[in-house]
N, C-alpha and C. Protein backbone atom coordinates (compact mmCIF):
# COMPACT_ATOMS: atom_id res chain seq x y z
N MET A 1 -51.18 -120.76 -56.75
CA MET A 1 -49.79 -120.80 -55.92
C MET A 1 -48.87 -121.51 -56.61
N LEU A 2 -47.68 -121.05 -56.40
CA LEU A 2 -46.50 -121.94 -56.94
C LEU A 2 -46.37 -123.28 -56.35
N ASP A 3 -45.89 -124.36 -57.11
CA ASP A 3 -45.88 -125.67 -56.54
C ASP A 3 -44.33 -125.84 -56.38
N ILE A 4 -43.91 -125.12 -55.43
CA ILE A 4 -42.45 -125.22 -55.01
C ILE A 4 -42.29 -125.64 -53.43
N ARG A 5 -41.55 -126.47 -52.97
CA ARG A 5 -41.44 -126.83 -51.74
C ARG A 5 -40.53 -125.79 -50.87
N GLU A 6 -40.87 -125.61 -49.72
CA GLU A 6 -40.19 -124.57 -48.96
C GLU A 6 -39.02 -125.18 -48.44
N TYR A 7 -37.91 -124.29 -48.32
CA TYR A 7 -36.63 -124.68 -47.99
C TYR A 7 -36.15 -123.87 -46.66
N MET A 8 -35.36 -124.52 -46.01
CA MET A 8 -34.67 -123.80 -44.80
C MET A 8 -33.52 -122.72 -45.40
N VAL A 9 -33.79 -121.76 -45.13
CA VAL A 9 -32.79 -120.62 -45.58
C VAL A 9 -32.00 -120.07 -44.55
N PRO A 10 -30.62 -119.89 -44.78
CA PRO A 10 -29.82 -119.42 -43.65
C PRO A 10 -30.22 -118.10 -43.24
N VAL A 11 -30.00 -117.74 -42.06
CA VAL A 11 -30.45 -116.36 -41.51
C VAL A 11 -29.61 -115.27 -42.06
N SER A 12 -28.50 -115.54 -42.48
CA SER A 12 -27.48 -114.56 -42.85
C SER A 12 -27.75 -114.01 -44.27
N LEU A 13 -28.74 -114.61 -44.93
CA LEU A 13 -29.08 -114.02 -46.19
C LEU A 13 -29.92 -112.60 -46.26
N THR A 14 -29.81 -112.07 -47.20
CA THR A 14 -30.68 -110.82 -47.31
C THR A 14 -32.08 -111.13 -47.52
N GLN A 15 -33.07 -110.68 -46.51
CA GLN A 15 -34.53 -111.08 -46.87
C GLN A 15 -35.26 -110.03 -47.49
N LEU A 16 -36.05 -110.65 -48.59
CA LEU A 16 -36.89 -109.86 -49.17
C LEU A 16 -38.30 -110.15 -48.95
N LYS A 17 -39.19 -109.41 -48.58
CA LYS A 17 -40.61 -109.78 -48.46
C LYS A 17 -41.39 -109.47 -49.54
N ALA A 18 -42.13 -110.55 -50.02
CA ALA A 18 -43.09 -110.39 -51.16
C ALA A 18 -44.48 -110.70 -50.54
N PHE A 19 -45.49 -110.07 -51.21
CA PHE A 19 -46.83 -110.26 -50.74
C PHE A 19 -47.57 -110.88 -52.06
N LEU A 20 -48.34 -111.96 -51.78
CA LEU A 20 -49.36 -112.51 -52.72
C LEU A 20 -50.50 -111.50 -53.00
N ARG A 21 -50.74 -110.93 -54.23
CA ARG A 21 -51.76 -110.18 -54.72
C ARG A 21 -52.78 -110.73 -55.49
N GLU A 22 -54.06 -110.19 -55.43
CA GLU A 22 -55.16 -110.91 -56.13
C GLU A 22 -55.17 -110.27 -57.55
N ASP A 23 -54.82 -109.06 -57.80
CA ASP A 23 -54.80 -108.44 -59.12
C ASP A 23 -53.35 -108.35 -59.70
N SER A 24 -53.40 -108.14 -61.04
CA SER A 24 -52.26 -107.89 -61.54
C SER A 24 -52.25 -106.94 -62.64
N GLY A 25 -51.34 -106.40 -63.23
CA GLY A 25 -51.30 -105.27 -64.38
C GLY A 25 -50.61 -104.07 -63.88
N LYS A 26 -50.74 -103.12 -64.80
CA LYS A 26 -50.00 -101.88 -64.65
C LYS A 26 -50.68 -101.14 -63.48
N LYS A 27 -51.80 -101.06 -63.35
CA LYS A 27 -52.35 -100.11 -62.45
C LYS A 27 -52.31 -100.48 -60.91
N ILE A 28 -52.17 -101.81 -60.63
CA ILE A 28 -51.92 -102.34 -59.35
C ILE A 28 -50.63 -102.20 -59.06
N SER A 29 -49.71 -102.42 -60.10
CA SER A 29 -48.27 -102.26 -59.82
C SER A 29 -47.87 -100.90 -59.41
N LYS A 30 -48.43 -99.84 -60.04
CA LYS A 30 -48.15 -98.55 -59.92
C LYS A 30 -48.59 -98.18 -58.40
N THR A 31 -49.83 -98.69 -57.98
CA THR A 31 -50.26 -98.36 -56.75
C THR A 31 -49.42 -98.84 -55.79
N ILE A 32 -48.85 -100.13 -55.85
CA ILE A 32 -47.90 -100.72 -54.86
C ILE A 32 -46.61 -100.08 -54.83
N ARG A 33 -46.11 -99.53 -56.02
CA ARG A 33 -44.82 -98.67 -55.94
C ARG A 33 -45.01 -97.54 -55.25
N LYS A 34 -46.06 -96.72 -55.36
CA LYS A 34 -46.48 -95.47 -54.51
C LYS A 34 -46.56 -95.81 -53.13
N VAL A 35 -46.92 -96.91 -52.67
CA VAL A 35 -46.81 -97.18 -51.18
C VAL A 35 -45.52 -97.51 -50.73
N GLU A 36 -44.56 -97.69 -51.56
CA GLU A 36 -43.19 -97.74 -51.16
C GLU A 36 -42.87 -99.33 -50.90
N PHE A 37 -43.53 -100.24 -51.46
CA PHE A 37 -43.24 -101.54 -51.25
C PHE A 37 -42.03 -102.30 -51.88
N VAL A 38 -41.43 -101.43 -52.88
CA VAL A 38 -40.26 -101.75 -53.68
C VAL A 38 -39.02 -101.26 -52.87
N CYS A 39 -38.48 -102.15 -52.11
CA CYS A 39 -37.34 -101.74 -51.16
C CYS A 39 -36.00 -102.47 -51.57
N LEU A 40 -35.87 -103.13 -52.67
CA LEU A 40 -34.67 -103.89 -53.19
C LEU A 40 -33.57 -103.01 -53.47
N CYS A 41 -33.76 -101.50 -53.52
CA CYS A 41 -32.79 -100.55 -53.91
C CYS A 41 -31.52 -100.68 -52.94
N ASN A 42 -31.82 -100.88 -51.62
CA ASN A 42 -30.53 -100.88 -50.85
C ASN A 42 -29.70 -102.15 -51.01
N ALA A 43 -30.26 -103.29 -51.28
CA ALA A 43 -29.42 -104.42 -51.69
C ALA A 43 -28.76 -104.31 -52.95
N LEU A 44 -29.42 -103.61 -53.95
CA LEU A 44 -28.70 -103.38 -55.22
C LEU A 44 -27.49 -102.45 -55.05
N LEU A 45 -27.83 -101.31 -54.35
CA LEU A 45 -26.60 -100.45 -54.12
C LEU A 45 -25.46 -101.20 -53.35
N ARG A 46 -25.70 -101.98 -52.26
CA ARG A 46 -24.76 -102.69 -51.61
C ARG A 46 -24.05 -103.84 -52.38
N LEU A 47 -24.70 -104.37 -53.13
CA LEU A 47 -24.05 -105.62 -53.98
C LEU A 47 -23.51 -105.22 -55.24
N GLY A 48 -23.99 -104.07 -55.82
CA GLY A 48 -23.61 -103.57 -57.14
C GLY A 48 -24.39 -104.19 -58.19
N ARG A 49 -24.36 -103.62 -59.35
CA ARG A 49 -25.17 -104.15 -60.49
C ARG A 49 -24.58 -105.54 -60.97
N THR A 50 -23.38 -105.76 -60.84
CA THR A 50 -22.96 -107.27 -61.25
C THR A 50 -23.00 -108.27 -60.11
N GLY A 51 -22.72 -107.79 -58.92
CA GLY A 51 -22.71 -108.67 -57.75
C GLY A 51 -24.16 -109.05 -57.09
N TRP A 52 -25.16 -108.47 -57.57
CA TRP A 52 -26.37 -108.82 -57.01
C TRP A 52 -27.07 -110.06 -57.82
N GLY A 53 -26.53 -110.25 -58.95
CA GLY A 53 -26.88 -111.60 -59.81
C GLY A 53 -26.53 -112.84 -59.36
N CYS A 54 -25.34 -112.92 -58.28
CA CYS A 54 -24.99 -114.02 -57.66
C CYS A 54 -24.99 -113.99 -56.29
N HIS A 55 -25.86 -113.27 -55.84
CA HIS A 55 -26.23 -113.30 -54.42
C HIS A 55 -27.47 -113.88 -54.04
N ILE A 56 -27.37 -114.91 -53.23
CA ILE A 56 -28.79 -115.57 -52.87
C ILE A 56 -29.57 -114.80 -51.78
N PHE A 57 -30.69 -114.64 -52.05
CA PHE A 57 -31.68 -113.77 -51.23
C PHE A 57 -32.74 -114.96 -50.48
N ASP A 58 -33.19 -114.48 -49.38
CA ASP A 58 -34.29 -115.24 -48.79
C ASP A 58 -35.67 -114.53 -49.24
N VAL A 59 -36.32 -115.01 -50.06
CA VAL A 59 -37.74 -114.42 -50.33
C VAL A 59 -38.64 -114.90 -49.45
N ALA A 60 -39.13 -113.98 -48.65
CA ALA A 60 -40.30 -114.51 -47.55
C ALA A 60 -41.64 -114.16 -48.51
N VAL A 61 -42.35 -115.04 -48.73
CA VAL A 61 -43.75 -114.71 -49.42
C VAL A 61 -44.76 -114.92 -48.26
N MET A 62 -45.43 -113.74 -48.15
CA MET A 62 -46.60 -113.77 -47.11
C MET A 62 -47.87 -114.00 -47.90
N ASN A 63 -48.64 -114.68 -47.36
CA ASN A 63 -50.16 -114.73 -47.81
C ASN A 63 -50.95 -113.53 -47.73
N GLY A 64 -52.11 -113.47 -48.13
CA GLY A 64 -52.92 -112.28 -48.36
C GLY A 64 -53.27 -111.56 -47.05
N ASP A 65 -53.31 -112.12 -45.86
CA ASP A 65 -53.61 -111.48 -44.64
C ASP A 65 -52.34 -111.15 -43.81
N GLY A 66 -51.29 -111.61 -44.58
CA GLY A 66 -49.73 -111.19 -44.05
C GLY A 66 -49.39 -111.99 -42.75
N LYS A 67 -49.97 -113.08 -42.45
CA LYS A 67 -49.67 -113.83 -41.26
C LYS A 67 -48.55 -114.70 -41.44
N LYS A 68 -48.85 -115.57 -42.42
CA LYS A 68 -47.98 -116.86 -42.78
C LYS A 68 -47.02 -116.49 -43.81
N MET A 69 -45.60 -116.86 -43.56
CA MET A 69 -44.71 -116.59 -44.57
C MET A 69 -43.94 -117.94 -45.00
N THR A 70 -43.81 -117.98 -46.15
CA THR A 70 -43.23 -119.30 -46.90
C THR A 70 -41.78 -118.73 -47.51
N HIS A 71 -40.62 -119.35 -47.12
CA HIS A 71 -39.31 -119.04 -47.40
C HIS A 71 -38.84 -119.65 -48.69
N TYR A 72 -38.27 -119.05 -49.64
CA TYR A 72 -37.67 -119.53 -50.81
C TYR A 72 -36.22 -118.98 -51.12
N PRO A 73 -35.37 -119.71 -51.36
CA PRO A 73 -33.94 -119.06 -51.74
C PRO A 73 -34.10 -118.71 -53.25
N ALA A 74 -33.65 -117.53 -53.60
CA ALA A 74 -33.76 -117.10 -55.08
C ALA A 74 -32.30 -116.24 -55.11
N VAL A 75 -32.08 -116.13 -56.44
CA VAL A 75 -30.90 -115.47 -56.94
C VAL A 75 -31.38 -114.49 -58.02
N GLY A 76 -30.77 -113.40 -58.26
CA GLY A 76 -31.19 -112.29 -59.05
C GLY A 76 -30.85 -112.60 -60.62
N ARG A 77 -31.78 -112.34 -61.49
CA ARG A 77 -31.52 -112.68 -62.71
C ARG A 77 -31.45 -111.24 -63.67
N GLN A 78 -32.67 -110.35 -63.39
CA GLN A 78 -32.56 -109.30 -64.18
C GLN A 78 -33.15 -108.07 -63.35
N VAL A 79 -32.76 -106.77 -63.55
CA VAL A 79 -33.23 -105.75 -62.85
C VAL A 79 -33.72 -104.63 -63.97
N HIS A 80 -34.64 -103.90 -63.62
CA HIS A 80 -35.25 -102.99 -64.71
C HIS A 80 -35.29 -101.57 -64.03
N ILE A 81 -34.44 -100.79 -64.43
CA ILE A 81 -34.18 -99.41 -63.81
C ILE A 81 -34.63 -98.26 -64.76
N THR A 82 -35.35 -97.29 -64.39
CA THR A 82 -35.55 -96.24 -65.24
C THR A 82 -34.44 -95.50 -65.67
N ALA A 83 -34.28 -94.96 -66.83
CA ALA A 83 -33.30 -94.50 -67.63
C ALA A 83 -33.13 -92.95 -67.06
N ASP A 84 -34.22 -92.14 -66.65
CA ASP A 84 -33.82 -90.97 -66.24
C ASP A 84 -33.76 -90.76 -64.72
N THR A 85 -34.35 -91.53 -63.92
CA THR A 85 -34.38 -91.41 -62.47
C THR A 85 -33.59 -92.31 -61.75
N ASP A 86 -33.15 -93.40 -62.47
CA ASP A 86 -32.54 -94.61 -61.58
C ASP A 86 -33.16 -95.32 -60.63
N VAL A 87 -34.66 -95.34 -60.79
CA VAL A 87 -35.46 -95.97 -59.68
C VAL A 87 -35.68 -97.42 -60.25
N VAL A 88 -35.57 -98.48 -59.23
CA VAL A 88 -35.92 -99.77 -59.61
C VAL A 88 -37.23 -100.11 -59.66
N GLU A 89 -37.70 -100.47 -61.04
CA GLU A 89 -39.00 -100.75 -61.30
C GLU A 89 -39.51 -101.99 -61.03
N ASN A 90 -38.62 -103.05 -61.34
CA ASN A 90 -39.13 -104.32 -61.20
C ASN A 90 -37.68 -105.25 -61.39
N VAL A 91 -37.81 -106.42 -60.72
CA VAL A 91 -36.69 -107.24 -60.69
C VAL A 91 -37.21 -108.74 -60.89
N THR A 92 -36.29 -109.49 -61.47
CA THR A 92 -36.58 -110.84 -61.87
C THR A 92 -35.75 -111.73 -60.87
N LEU A 93 -36.36 -112.64 -60.19
CA LEU A 93 -35.64 -113.50 -59.28
C LEU A 93 -35.88 -115.04 -59.83
N ILE A 94 -34.93 -115.90 -59.54
CA ILE A 94 -35.07 -117.44 -60.07
C ILE A 94 -35.01 -118.10 -58.78
N HIS A 95 -35.73 -119.30 -58.73
CA HIS A 95 -35.80 -119.98 -57.43
C HIS A 95 -34.46 -120.70 -57.56
N CYS A 96 -33.82 -120.77 -56.34
CA CYS A 96 -32.40 -121.42 -56.39
C CYS A 96 -32.31 -122.19 -55.06
N PRO A 97 -32.92 -123.39 -55.11
CA PRO A 97 -32.59 -124.41 -53.95
C PRO A 97 -31.26 -124.89 -54.00
N PRO A 98 -30.82 -125.34 -52.71
CA PRO A 98 -29.49 -125.65 -52.52
C PRO A 98 -29.04 -126.82 -53.46
N ASP A 99 -30.02 -127.65 -53.72
CA ASP A 99 -29.58 -128.98 -54.72
C ASP A 99 -29.71 -128.78 -56.25
N ARG A 100 -30.05 -127.55 -56.73
CA ARG A 100 -30.17 -127.43 -57.99
C ARG A 100 -29.29 -126.63 -58.66
N HIS A 101 -28.86 -126.92 -60.01
CA HIS A 101 -27.81 -126.05 -60.55
C HIS A 101 -28.34 -124.81 -61.24
N VAL A 102 -27.76 -123.87 -61.26
CA VAL A 102 -28.29 -122.68 -61.94
C VAL A 102 -27.10 -121.85 -62.40
N LYS A 103 -27.46 -121.31 -63.60
CA LYS A 103 -26.47 -120.32 -64.39
C LYS A 103 -26.45 -119.06 -63.81
N VAL A 104 -25.41 -118.44 -63.36
CA VAL A 104 -25.02 -117.17 -62.90
C VAL A 104 -23.92 -116.45 -63.43
N ALA A 105 -24.00 -115.01 -63.37
CA ALA A 105 -22.84 -114.38 -63.97
C ALA A 105 -22.19 -113.67 -62.48
N VAL A 106 -20.93 -114.25 -62.43
CA VAL A 106 -20.23 -113.84 -60.98
C VAL A 106 -19.16 -112.79 -61.56
N PRO A 107 -19.17 -111.65 -60.93
CA PRO A 107 -18.19 -110.68 -61.00
C PRO A 107 -16.71 -110.97 -60.90
N ILE A 108 -15.89 -110.28 -61.70
CA ILE A 108 -14.49 -110.39 -61.41
C ILE A 108 -13.83 -109.21 -60.68
N GLN A 109 -13.18 -109.58 -59.60
CA GLN A 109 -12.62 -108.40 -59.03
C GLN A 109 -11.07 -108.53 -59.26
N ILE A 110 -10.33 -107.22 -59.43
CA ILE A 110 -9.02 -107.19 -59.65
C ILE A 110 -8.37 -106.71 -58.47
N PHE A 111 -7.15 -107.19 -58.29
CA PHE A 111 -6.31 -106.77 -57.31
C PHE A 111 -4.96 -106.75 -57.67
N GLY A 112 -3.92 -106.04 -57.02
CA GLY A 112 -2.50 -106.07 -57.30
C GLY A 112 -2.24 -104.81 -58.28
N GLU A 113 -3.23 -103.89 -58.40
CA GLU A 113 -3.00 -102.71 -59.29
C GLU A 113 -1.86 -101.88 -58.86
N GLU A 114 -1.82 -101.59 -57.49
CA GLU A 114 -0.87 -100.54 -57.06
C GLU A 114 0.72 -101.07 -57.23
N VAL A 115 0.80 -102.39 -57.68
CA VAL A 115 2.28 -102.89 -57.84
C VAL A 115 2.46 -103.35 -59.20
N CYS A 116 1.50 -103.31 -60.15
CA CYS A 116 1.42 -103.51 -61.33
C CYS A 116 2.67 -102.98 -62.27
N PRO A 117 3.70 -103.67 -63.00
CA PRO A 117 4.59 -102.94 -63.63
C PRO A 117 4.07 -102.35 -65.04
N GLY A 118 2.97 -102.86 -65.51
CA GLY A 118 2.36 -102.49 -66.70
C GLY A 118 1.73 -101.19 -66.51
N LEU A 119 1.03 -101.06 -65.39
CA LEU A 119 0.35 -99.84 -64.91
C LEU A 119 1.27 -98.88 -64.66
N LYS A 120 2.35 -98.99 -63.90
CA LYS A 120 3.44 -97.96 -63.54
C LYS A 120 4.04 -97.45 -64.81
N ALA A 121 4.16 -98.33 -66.01
CA ALA A 121 4.78 -97.84 -67.07
C ALA A 121 3.83 -96.91 -67.91
N GLY A 122 2.81 -96.71 -67.47
CA GLY A 122 1.72 -95.90 -68.31
C GLY A 122 0.66 -96.59 -68.97
N GLY A 123 0.44 -97.91 -68.81
CA GLY A 123 -0.52 -98.71 -69.20
C GLY A 123 -1.97 -98.38 -68.54
N ARG A 124 -2.83 -99.20 -68.96
CA ARG A 124 -4.29 -99.30 -68.40
C ARG A 124 -4.91 -100.60 -68.57
N ILE A 125 -5.72 -100.89 -67.63
CA ILE A 125 -6.43 -102.37 -67.76
C ILE A 125 -7.54 -102.01 -68.84
N ASN A 126 -7.67 -103.17 -69.58
CA ASN A 126 -8.83 -103.25 -70.61
C ASN A 126 -9.53 -104.52 -70.02
N HIS A 127 -10.82 -104.12 -69.43
CA HIS A 127 -11.47 -105.13 -68.93
C HIS A 127 -12.31 -105.90 -70.18
N ILE A 128 -11.87 -106.90 -70.60
CA ILE A 128 -12.57 -107.59 -71.79
C ILE A 128 -14.02 -108.13 -71.09
N SER A 129 -13.94 -108.60 -69.89
CA SER A 129 -15.15 -109.28 -69.29
C SER A 129 -15.20 -108.73 -67.90
N ARG A 130 -16.15 -108.30 -67.42
CA ARG A 130 -16.27 -107.93 -65.96
C ARG A 130 -16.97 -109.01 -65.10
N LYS A 131 -17.67 -109.95 -65.94
CA LYS A 131 -18.40 -111.33 -65.36
C LYS A 131 -18.02 -112.40 -65.99
N VAL A 132 -18.16 -113.59 -65.11
CA VAL A 132 -17.82 -114.98 -65.59
C VAL A 132 -19.13 -115.73 -65.45
N ARG A 133 -19.47 -116.30 -66.65
CA ARG A 133 -20.93 -117.15 -66.46
C ARG A 133 -20.39 -118.44 -66.02
N VAL A 134 -21.07 -119.07 -65.09
CA VAL A 134 -20.78 -120.24 -64.41
C VAL A 134 -22.19 -120.92 -64.17
N LEU A 135 -22.04 -122.38 -63.94
CA LEU A 135 -23.02 -123.26 -63.79
C LEU A 135 -22.81 -123.62 -62.33
N ALA A 136 -23.37 -123.57 -61.25
CA ALA A 136 -23.26 -123.66 -59.88
C ALA A 136 -24.28 -124.24 -59.03
N ARG A 137 -24.01 -124.97 -58.25
CA ARG A 137 -25.12 -125.49 -57.17
C ARG A 137 -25.68 -124.16 -56.35
N GLY A 138 -26.94 -124.38 -56.01
CA GLY A 138 -27.48 -123.23 -55.19
C GLY A 138 -26.80 -122.90 -54.01
N ASP A 139 -26.20 -123.97 -53.49
CA ASP A 139 -25.37 -123.86 -52.19
C ASP A 139 -23.97 -123.45 -52.27
N SER A 140 -23.40 -123.35 -53.52
CA SER A 140 -22.18 -123.03 -53.62
C SER A 140 -21.92 -122.11 -54.77
N ILE A 141 -22.65 -120.97 -54.84
CA ILE A 141 -22.46 -119.86 -55.88
C ILE A 141 -21.45 -118.91 -55.29
N PRO A 142 -20.29 -118.60 -56.09
CA PRO A 142 -19.23 -117.88 -55.52
C PRO A 142 -19.75 -116.37 -55.46
N GLU A 143 -19.31 -115.60 -54.58
CA GLU A 143 -19.66 -114.24 -54.69
C GLU A 143 -18.75 -113.48 -55.67
N SER A 144 -17.47 -113.90 -55.96
CA SER A 144 -16.88 -113.28 -56.85
C SER A 144 -15.57 -114.11 -57.23
N PHE A 145 -14.93 -113.67 -58.33
CA PHE A 145 -13.52 -114.27 -58.68
C PHE A 145 -12.63 -113.23 -58.73
N GLU A 146 -11.33 -113.52 -58.30
CA GLU A 146 -10.33 -112.50 -58.22
C GLU A 146 -9.21 -112.96 -59.29
N LEU A 147 -8.63 -111.71 -59.84
CA LEU A 147 -7.74 -111.85 -60.84
C LEU A 147 -6.45 -110.87 -60.18
N ASN A 148 -5.14 -111.44 -60.17
CA ASN A 148 -3.98 -110.78 -59.75
C ASN A 148 -3.27 -110.14 -60.78
N VAL A 149 -3.24 -108.82 -60.98
CA VAL A 149 -2.62 -108.20 -62.08
C VAL A 149 -1.06 -107.82 -61.74
N SER A 150 -0.64 -108.11 -60.54
CA SER A 150 0.61 -107.39 -59.93
C SER A 150 1.95 -107.77 -60.70
N ALA A 151 1.86 -108.70 -61.54
CA ALA A 151 2.95 -109.22 -62.30
C ALA A 151 2.81 -108.88 -63.84
N LEU A 152 1.72 -108.24 -64.18
CA LEU A 152 1.55 -108.18 -65.67
C LEU A 152 2.29 -106.79 -66.21
N ASN A 153 2.83 -106.79 -67.40
CA ASN A 153 3.54 -105.98 -68.22
C ASN A 153 2.48 -105.48 -69.33
N VAL A 154 2.80 -104.35 -69.93
CA VAL A 154 2.05 -103.97 -71.26
C VAL A 154 2.02 -104.97 -72.18
N GLY A 155 0.76 -105.28 -72.57
CA GLY A 155 0.58 -106.30 -73.56
C GLY A 155 0.24 -107.70 -72.88
N ASP A 156 0.23 -107.87 -71.78
CA ASP A 156 0.00 -109.16 -71.08
C ASP A 156 -1.29 -109.43 -70.81
N LYS A 157 -1.89 -110.67 -70.83
CA LYS A 157 -3.31 -110.93 -70.68
C LYS A 157 -3.56 -111.96 -69.59
N LEU A 158 -4.64 -111.68 -68.97
CA LEU A 158 -5.06 -112.85 -68.03
C LEU A 158 -6.46 -113.58 -68.71
N HIS A 159 -6.36 -114.85 -68.71
CA HIS A 159 -7.55 -115.71 -69.49
C HIS A 159 -8.43 -116.13 -68.30
N PHE A 160 -9.58 -116.62 -68.82
CA PHE A 160 -10.40 -117.44 -67.77
C PHE A 160 -9.83 -118.60 -67.12
N SER A 161 -8.87 -119.22 -67.93
CA SER A 161 -8.28 -120.34 -67.24
C SER A 161 -7.39 -120.03 -65.92
N ASP A 162 -7.00 -118.56 -65.69
CA ASP A 162 -6.38 -118.18 -64.61
C ASP A 162 -7.21 -118.05 -63.47
N LEU A 163 -8.51 -118.10 -63.61
CA LEU A 163 -9.33 -118.11 -62.47
C LEU A 163 -9.39 -119.33 -61.50
N VAL A 164 -9.39 -119.20 -60.16
CA VAL A 164 -9.54 -120.24 -59.45
C VAL A 164 -10.93 -120.61 -59.23
N ILE A 165 -11.33 -121.85 -59.78
CA ILE A 165 -12.85 -122.28 -59.79
C ILE A 165 -12.97 -123.27 -58.88
N PRO A 166 -13.96 -122.97 -57.77
CA PRO A 166 -14.34 -124.03 -56.84
C PRO A 166 -14.75 -125.36 -57.38
N GLU A 167 -14.89 -126.38 -56.60
CA GLU A 167 -15.07 -127.72 -56.96
C GLU A 167 -16.40 -127.95 -57.62
N ASN A 168 -17.43 -127.28 -56.99
CA ASN A 168 -18.79 -127.56 -57.38
C ASN A 168 -19.30 -126.62 -58.66
N VAL A 169 -18.45 -125.77 -59.17
CA VAL A 169 -18.71 -124.73 -60.04
C VAL A 169 -18.27 -125.05 -61.31
N LYS A 170 -18.95 -124.92 -62.47
CA LYS A 170 -18.43 -125.34 -63.87
C LYS A 170 -18.30 -123.95 -64.68
N LEU A 171 -17.19 -123.73 -65.22
CA LEU A 171 -17.02 -122.35 -65.99
C LEU A 171 -17.72 -122.58 -67.47
N LEU A 172 -18.69 -121.61 -67.74
CA LEU A 172 -19.23 -121.63 -69.14
C LEU A 172 -18.63 -120.73 -70.08
N GLU A 173 -17.45 -120.28 -69.78
CA GLU A 173 -16.79 -119.36 -70.75
C GLU A 173 -15.77 -120.39 -71.52
N ASP A 174 -15.17 -119.77 -72.62
CA ASP A 174 -14.11 -120.36 -73.19
C ASP A 174 -12.73 -120.30 -72.33
N VAL A 175 -12.08 -121.22 -71.86
CA VAL A 175 -11.10 -121.01 -70.95
C VAL A 175 -9.86 -120.40 -71.78
N ALA A 176 -9.78 -120.31 -72.90
CA ALA A 176 -8.59 -119.75 -73.68
C ALA A 176 -9.01 -118.26 -73.93
N ALA A 177 -10.15 -117.69 -73.69
CA ALA A 177 -10.51 -116.34 -73.97
C ALA A 177 -9.94 -115.42 -73.00
N PRO A 178 -9.53 -114.32 -73.31
CA PRO A 178 -8.88 -113.43 -72.25
C PRO A 178 -10.01 -112.65 -71.45
N ALA A 179 -9.64 -112.54 -70.16
CA ALA A 179 -10.74 -111.90 -69.24
C ALA A 179 -10.17 -110.39 -69.18
N LEU A 180 -8.93 -109.92 -69.26
CA LEU A 180 -8.40 -108.64 -69.16
C LEU A 180 -6.98 -108.49 -69.82
N LYS A 181 -6.56 -107.42 -70.24
CA LYS A 181 -5.16 -107.20 -70.64
C LYS A 181 -4.77 -105.94 -70.23
N ILE A 182 -3.46 -105.87 -70.13
CA ILE A 182 -2.77 -104.35 -69.89
C ILE A 182 -2.48 -103.70 -71.22
N MET A 183 -3.08 -102.59 -71.38
CA MET A 183 -2.77 -102.03 -72.70
C MET A 183 -2.19 -100.61 -72.63
N ARG A 184 -1.50 -100.03 -73.71
CA ARG A 184 -0.94 -98.72 -73.65
C ARG A 184 -2.10 -97.68 -73.58
N LYS A 185 -1.71 -96.49 -73.03
CA LYS A 185 -2.77 -95.46 -72.94
C LYS A 185 -2.97 -94.82 -74.36
C-alpha cells in the first residue's frame, strides 16, 4: 500500500473511486474495463483535454472488501485514448496535497474576439500555445488563464508576461515568448 497520509478533501471536487486489486496485468485490466469501472470519461468531456490536467480530483481508494475509503487529492497528468474509438483506456494521476508544489499545464482562455479590430479586418488568431506550464501549490492551482484580444490589430502579439499570475503560482515559461498573435488569413 502507498505510504501517503490521508488528507481532508473538499466536497466540491470531482470524486473518482478506485479499488485496490490483487492482480495486475493486461488480462485483469481488460476484465475491469468490460465491467465498466472506467468512468472518467464524463469528467474528461466536461473539463476538456487541456482543462482536466489542472483540475484537482478527490480519489477515494477503497480497500478489497469495498468498505473503507481513503481520500487523496490528485491532479491529472496523462490520458491514454484509443485512436479509433476515442475510449479512455488509462489515466495517470499524481498525488497533489495542499502543501506540495506540482507542475501543471493550465489552459489559456481567450476573450474579446467579437470586438477585436484585427479579426474584424480579416485576421485570425494564431494560438502559439494553448497551455501554460506553471509550478503551483496543490491548494492554489488555477483553472485557467485569460488573455484579452479586444485591442489587438493584425500583427500584434500577446506574451506570457501579459498573463495575470496569482501569488502562489510560478510561471515556468519564458515571459518574453508569445502566447498568441493576430495573423492575416
